[in-house]
Amino acid sequence: MELYEKYKSLFNGYHVNTPLRLAYFMSTREAENGTGKPKRESCYYTSIDRLRKTFKSPFAGKNDFFVGQYLKNSEKYANYVYANRGGNGDEASGDGFKYRGGGDFQTTFKNGYLKLSKDTRIPFDVNPDLILEEANSLISAFWHKIEINPTI
């Protein structure tokens, strides 16, 4: 509950201040994030099998040589699997890596960062790494809570 004490005004402002709401929020944060620290999706894979299991569709029907070129290359991988999705541009645009998952609840895609920016007035769309700041990561998580399940 150290996080709650540190950011009590944020928790209260987003009405995450009852035992049930705190338990829901903190357990969802733990499930999504796991580390307790703000982070960005790494997109770093060392195994073709693991990569195929994580993202089935982009690699369906592709041979191991093709899939292998995305191993140990986070930027290339993210730009490929997230290309032309959720408002992202094509692979060459770099949007996939720029707008990969970030924050406690892993905001993803250009459209996700744009909506988060519009609703919170924090320019995540211009600088997605702002989501790595602890308070901003929490704000993004509260935003997700409101967007996905406003009754909890």
Protein backbone atom coordinates (compact mmCIF):
# COMPACT_ATOMS: atom_id res chain seq x y z
CA MET A 1 0.00 0.00 0.00
CA GLU A 2 3.06 2.18 -0.18
CA LEU A 3 2.01 3.24 -3.69
CA TYR A 4 -1.43 4.20 -2.42
CA GLU A 5 0.04 6.32 0.37
CA LYS A 6 2.44 8.02 -2.06
CA TYR A 7 -0.28 8.84 -4.60
CA LYS A 8 -3.37 9.01 -2.38
CA SER A 9 -4.70 12.12 -4.14
CA LEU A 10 -4.52 10.37 -7.52
CA PHE A 11 -6.22 7.25 -6.19
CA ASN A 12 -8.95 9.37 -4.59
CA GLY A 13 -9.34 11.52 -7.70
CA TYR A 14 -10.03 8.39 -9.76
CA HIS A 15 -12.26 6.91 -7.02
CA VAL A 16 -9.93 3.99 -6.40
CA ASN A 17 -10.26 4.35 -2.66
CA THR A 18 -12.37 1.52 -1.28
CA PRO A 19 -10.94 -1.86 -0.26
CA LEU A 20 -12.63 -3.57 -3.23
CA ARG A 21 -11.48 -0.99 -5.77
CA LEU A 22 -7.95 -0.96 -4.38
CA ALA A 23 -7.78 -4.77 -4.46
CA TYR A 24 -9.09 -4.86 -8.03
CA PHE A 25 -6.76 -2.13 -9.24
CA MET A 26 -3.64 -3.45 -7.52
CA SER A 27 -4.24 -7.05 -8.62
CA THR A 28 -4.88 -5.96 -12.21
CA ARG A 29 -1.74 -3.83 -12.10
CA GLU A 30 0.26 -6.80 -10.82
CA ALA A 31 -1.16 -9.11 -13.50
CA GLU A 32 -0.50 -6.64 -16.31
CA ASN A 33 2.85 -5.31 -15.17
CA GLY A 34 4.35 -7.91 -12.87
CA THR A 35 7.31 -5.74 -11.86
CA GLY A 36 5.61 -3.01 -9.89
CA LYS A 37 7.62 -0.49 -11.92
CA PRO A 38 6.50 1.38 -15.03
CA LYS A 39 7.83 -0.29 -18.17
CA ARG A 40 7.59 -0.54 -21.94
CA GLU A 41 7.03 -3.78 -23.81
CA SER A 42 10.47 -5.21 -24.60
CA CYS A 43 9.59 -7.02 -27.85
CA TYR A 44 12.84 -8.97 -27.46
CA TYR A 45 12.61 -12.62 -28.43
CA THR A 46 15.36 -15.20 -28.66
CA SER A 47 13.31 -18.21 -29.78
CA ILE A 48 11.30 -18.70 -32.96
CA ASP A 49 8.83 -20.92 -31.08
CA ARG A 50 8.22 -18.28 -28.38
CA LEU A 51 7.83 -15.54 -30.96
CA ARG A 52 5.29 -17.62 -32.94
CA LYS A 53 3.32 -18.41 -29.76
CA THR A 54 3.15 -14.75 -28.76
CA PHE A 55 2.10 -13.39 -32.15
CA LYS A 56 0.48 -16.10 -34.25
CA SER A 57 -1.14 -14.10 -37.04
CA PRO A 58 1.80 -12.01 -38.31
CA PHE A 59 3.95 -15.13 -38.62
CA ALA A 60 1.33 -17.61 -39.88
CA GLY A 61 2.60 -19.39 -42.97
CA LYS A 62 6.03 -17.76 -42.69
CA ASN A 63 9.13 -19.95 -42.73
CA ASP A 64 11.68 -20.05 -39.92
CA PHE A 65 14.16 -17.96 -41.91
CA PHE A 66 11.62 -15.14 -42.22
CA VAL A 67 10.61 -15.34 -38.56
CA GLY A 68 14.25 -15.57 -37.45
CA GLN A 69 15.07 -12.13 -38.78
CA TYR A 70 12.90 -10.65 -36.01
CA LEU A 71 14.75 -12.37 -33.17
CA LYS A 72 16.89 -10.21 -30.88
CA ASN A 73 15.71 -7.08 -32.67
CA SER A 74 12.99 -5.39 -30.64
CA GLU A 75 12.49 -2.44 -32.94
CA LYS A 76 12.21 -4.47 -36.14
CA TYR A 77 9.88 -6.95 -34.45
CA ALA A 78 7.52 -4.31 -33.01
CA ASN A 79 7.42 -2.38 -36.28
CA TYR A 80 6.41 -5.57 -38.11
CA VAL A 81 3.80 -7.02 -35.75
CA TYR A 82 2.16 -3.66 -34.96
CA ALA A 83 2.25 -2.24 -38.52
CA ASN A 84 -1.04 -0.91 -39.91
CA ARG A 85 -2.94 -1.62 -36.69
CA GLY A 86 -4.60 0.73 -34.21
CA GLY A 87 -3.68 3.86 -36.15
CA ASN A 88 -0.04 2.85 -36.63
CA GLY A 89 1.59 3.43 -39.99
CA ASP A 90 3.38 0.78 -42.01
CA GLU A 91 6.49 -1.06 -40.89
CA ALA A 92 8.81 1.69 -42.17
CA SER A 93 7.01 4.38 -40.15
CA GLY A 94 8.48 3.16 -36.86
CA ASP A 95 5.10 3.49 -35.16
CA GLY A 96 5.08 -0.13 -34.01
CA PHE A 97 8.09 0.36 -31.77
CA LYS A 98 7.21 3.92 -30.79
CA TYR A 99 3.69 2.97 -29.71
CA ARG A 100 4.40 -0.50 -28.27
CA GLY A 101 2.89 -1.38 -24.92
CA GLY A 102 3.72 0.97 -22.10
CA GLY A 103 2.75 1.77 -18.54
CA ASP A 104 1.12 -0.32 -15.85
CA PHE A 105 -1.71 -1.52 -18.11
CA GLN A 106 0.32 -1.54 -21.35
CA THR A 107 -1.23 1.18 -23.51
CA THR A 108 -0.57 0.10 -27.10
CA PHE A 109 -0.93 1.53 -30.62
CA LYS A 110 -0.91 5.11 -31.83
CA ASN A 111 -4.67 5.43 -31.36
CA GLY A 112 -4.32 4.27 -27.76
CA TYR A 113 -1.64 6.85 -26.99
CA LEU A 114 -3.60 9.57 -28.83
CA LYS A 115 -6.78 8.90 -26.83
CA LEU A 116 -4.81 8.66 -23.58
CA SER A 117 -3.16 12.01 -24.39
CA LYS A 118 -6.44 13.67 -25.27
CA ASP A 119 -8.17 12.45 -22.12
CA THR A 120 -5.33 13.13 -19.67
CA ARG A 121 -3.74 16.17 -21.37
CA ILE A 122 -0.33 14.55 -21.03
CA PRO A 123 1.48 14.42 -24.42
CA PHE A 124 2.04 10.64 -24.49
CA ASP A 125 1.37 10.69 -28.24
CA VAL A 126 4.38 12.94 -28.79
CA ASN A 127 6.60 11.21 -26.22
CA PRO A 128 5.35 7.73 -25.32
CA ASP A 129 8.23 7.29 -22.86
CA LEU A 130 6.49 9.74 -20.52
CA ILE A 131 4.51 6.67 -19.49
CA LEU A 132 7.65 5.40 -17.73
CA GLU A 133 7.30 8.06 -15.04
CA GLU A 134 5.60 6.45 -12.05
CA ALA A 135 2.81 9.01 -11.67
CA ASN A 136 2.12 9.03 -15.43
CA SER A 137 2.02 5.24 -15.50
CA LEU A 138 -0.56 5.29 -12.71
CA ILE A 139 -2.60 7.94 -14.52
CA SER A 140 -2.60 5.76 -17.63
CA ALA A 141 -3.72 2.78 -15.53
CA PHE A 142 -6.55 4.79 -13.97
CA TRP A 143 -7.54 5.91 -17.46
CA HIS A 144 -7.68 2.25 -18.56
CA LYS A 145 -9.79 1.43 -15.51
CA ILE A 146 -12.29 4.11 -16.53
CA GLU A 147 -12.21 3.14 -20.22
CA ILE A 148 -12.60 -0.60 -19.66
CA ASN A 149 -14.57 -1.03 -16.45
CA PRO A 150 -15.83 2.24 -15.01
CA THR A 151 -18.10 0.55 -12.47
CA ILE A 152 -15.29 -1.05 -10.44
